[in-house]
N, C-alpha and C. Protein backbone atom coordinates (compact mmCIF):
# COMPACT_ATOMS: atom_id res chain seq x y z
N UNK A 1 19.15 -5.31 -12.94
CA UNK A 1 17.89 -4.56 -13.04
C UNK A 1 18.03 -3.23 -12.30
N UNK A 2 17.85 -2.14 -13.02
CA UNK A 2 17.99 -0.83 -12.41
C UNK A 2 16.73 -0.44 -11.65
N UNK A 3 16.84 0.63 -10.91
CA UNK A 3 15.69 1.11 -10.13
C UNK A 3 14.54 1.51 -11.05
N UNK A 4 14.89 2.15 -12.20
CA UNK A 4 13.87 2.56 -13.15
C UNK A 4 13.09 1.37 -13.68
N UNK A 5 13.82 0.30 -14.03
CA UNK A 5 13.17 -0.90 -14.55
C UNK A 5 12.28 -1.53 -13.49
N UNK A 6 12.76 -1.53 -12.26
CA UNK A 6 11.95 -2.08 -11.17
C UNK A 6 10.65 -1.31 -11.01
N UNK A 7 10.75 0.02 -11.06
CA UNK A 7 9.55 0.84 -10.93
C UNK A 7 8.57 0.56 -12.06
N UNK A 8 9.09 0.40 -13.28
CA UNK A 8 8.23 0.11 -14.43
C UNK A 8 7.50 -1.21 -14.25
N UNK A 9 8.23 -2.25 -13.87
CA UNK A 9 7.61 -3.56 -13.71
C UNK A 9 6.63 -3.55 -12.53
N UNK A 10 6.97 -2.77 -11.51
CA UNK A 10 6.07 -2.64 -10.36
C UNK A 10 4.76 -1.99 -10.79
N UNK A 11 4.87 -0.92 -11.60
CA UNK A 11 3.67 -0.25 -12.09
C UNK A 11 2.83 -1.19 -12.92
N UNK A 12 3.48 -1.99 -13.76
CA UNK A 12 2.75 -2.94 -14.60
C UNK A 12 1.98 -3.92 -13.73
N UNK A 13 2.64 -4.46 -12.71
CA UNK A 13 1.97 -5.44 -11.85
C UNK A 13 0.85 -4.78 -11.05
N UNK A 14 1.07 -3.53 -10.65
CA UNK A 14 0.02 -2.81 -9.92
C UNK A 14 -1.19 -2.62 -10.83
N UNK A 15 -0.92 -2.24 -12.10
CA UNK A 15 -2.02 -2.06 -13.04
C UNK A 15 -2.77 -3.36 -13.26
N UNK A 16 -2.02 -4.46 -13.34
CA UNK A 16 -2.65 -5.76 -13.55
C UNK A 16 -3.55 -6.10 -12.35
N UNK A 17 -3.06 -5.78 -11.15
CA UNK A 17 -3.83 -6.07 -9.94
C UNK A 17 -5.09 -5.22 -9.89
N UNK A 18 -4.98 -3.97 -10.36
CA UNK A 18 -6.10 -3.04 -10.20
C UNK A 18 -7.09 -3.07 -11.35
N UNK A 19 -7.12 -4.17 -12.10
CA UNK A 19 -8.22 -4.34 -13.05
C UNK A 19 -9.45 -4.71 -12.25
N UNK A 20 -10.63 -4.39 -12.80
CA UNK A 20 -11.90 -4.55 -12.08
C UNK A 20 -12.03 -5.90 -11.38
N UNK A 21 -11.90 -7.01 -12.13
CA UNK A 21 -12.13 -8.33 -11.53
C UNK A 21 -11.13 -8.62 -10.41
N UNK A 22 -9.91 -8.12 -10.56
CA UNK A 22 -8.91 -8.37 -9.53
C UNK A 22 -9.21 -7.58 -8.25
N UNK A 23 -9.77 -6.39 -8.40
CA UNK A 23 -10.17 -5.60 -7.23
C UNK A 23 -11.23 -6.37 -6.46
N UNK A 24 -12.21 -6.91 -7.18
CA UNK A 24 -13.28 -7.68 -6.54
C UNK A 24 -12.68 -8.87 -5.79
N UNK A 25 -11.78 -9.59 -6.46
CA UNK A 25 -11.12 -10.74 -5.83
C UNK A 25 -10.39 -10.31 -4.57
N UNK A 26 -9.64 -9.22 -4.66
CA UNK A 26 -8.88 -8.74 -3.51
C UNK A 26 -9.80 -8.38 -2.35
N UNK A 27 -10.91 -7.73 -2.65
CA UNK A 27 -11.87 -7.34 -1.61
C UNK A 27 -12.45 -8.58 -0.95
N UNK A 28 -12.81 -9.58 -1.75
CA UNK A 28 -13.37 -10.82 -1.21
C UNK A 28 -12.36 -11.51 -0.31
N UNK A 29 -11.12 -11.62 -0.78
CA UNK A 29 -10.07 -12.27 0.02
C UNK A 29 -9.86 -11.49 1.32
N UNK A 30 -9.79 -10.16 1.20
CA UNK A 30 -9.60 -9.30 2.37
C UNK A 30 -10.72 -9.51 3.38
N UNK A 31 -11.97 -9.55 2.89
CA UNK A 31 -13.12 -9.72 3.77
C UNK A 31 -13.08 -11.07 4.46
N UNK A 32 -12.74 -12.13 3.72
CA UNK A 32 -12.69 -13.45 4.34
C UNK A 32 -11.58 -13.53 5.38
N UNK A 33 -10.44 -12.91 5.09
CA UNK A 33 -9.34 -12.90 6.06
C UNK A 33 -9.78 -12.18 7.34
N UNK A 34 -10.46 -11.06 7.20
CA UNK A 34 -10.94 -10.32 8.37
C UNK A 34 -11.95 -11.15 9.15
N UNK A 35 -12.86 -11.81 8.45
CA UNK A 35 -13.84 -12.66 9.12
C UNK A 35 -13.15 -13.78 9.89
N UNK A 36 -12.18 -14.43 9.25
CA UNK A 36 -11.46 -15.51 9.91
C UNK A 36 -10.73 -14.98 11.14
N UNK A 37 -10.06 -13.83 10.99
CA UNK A 37 -9.31 -13.26 12.11
C UNK A 37 -10.24 -12.89 13.26
N UNK A 38 -11.36 -12.28 12.95
CA UNK A 38 -12.28 -11.85 14.01
C UNK A 38 -12.91 -13.05 14.71
N UNK A 39 -13.03 -14.18 14.00
CA UNK A 39 -13.61 -15.36 14.65
C UNK A 39 -12.56 -16.14 15.44
N UNK A 40 -11.28 -16.01 15.07
CA UNK A 40 -10.22 -16.77 15.75
C UNK A 40 -9.60 -15.96 16.89
N UNK A 41 -9.42 -14.65 16.68
CA UNK A 41 -8.71 -13.82 17.65
C UNK A 41 -9.23 -13.91 19.08
N UNK A 42 -10.53 -13.87 19.32
CA UNK A 42 -11.01 -13.96 20.71
C UNK A 42 -10.52 -15.22 21.43
N UNK A 43 -10.34 -16.32 20.70
CA UNK A 43 -9.86 -17.55 21.32
C UNK A 43 -8.36 -17.47 21.61
N UNK A 44 -7.64 -16.73 20.78
CA UNK A 44 -6.19 -16.63 20.97
C UNK A 44 -5.83 -15.66 22.09
N UNK A 45 -6.63 -14.62 22.26
CA UNK A 45 -6.31 -13.61 23.27
C UNK A 45 -6.69 -14.06 24.67
């Protein structure tokens, strides 16, 4: 697999990720991860 092919497949996967519903999913996952981290971190520190 050449560098050009890798870039092409990477762009395709990025495009797939950046469809509307996937952005919403990513934001929700991101928010839950932040919530979990902020609730756990004070106990770890």
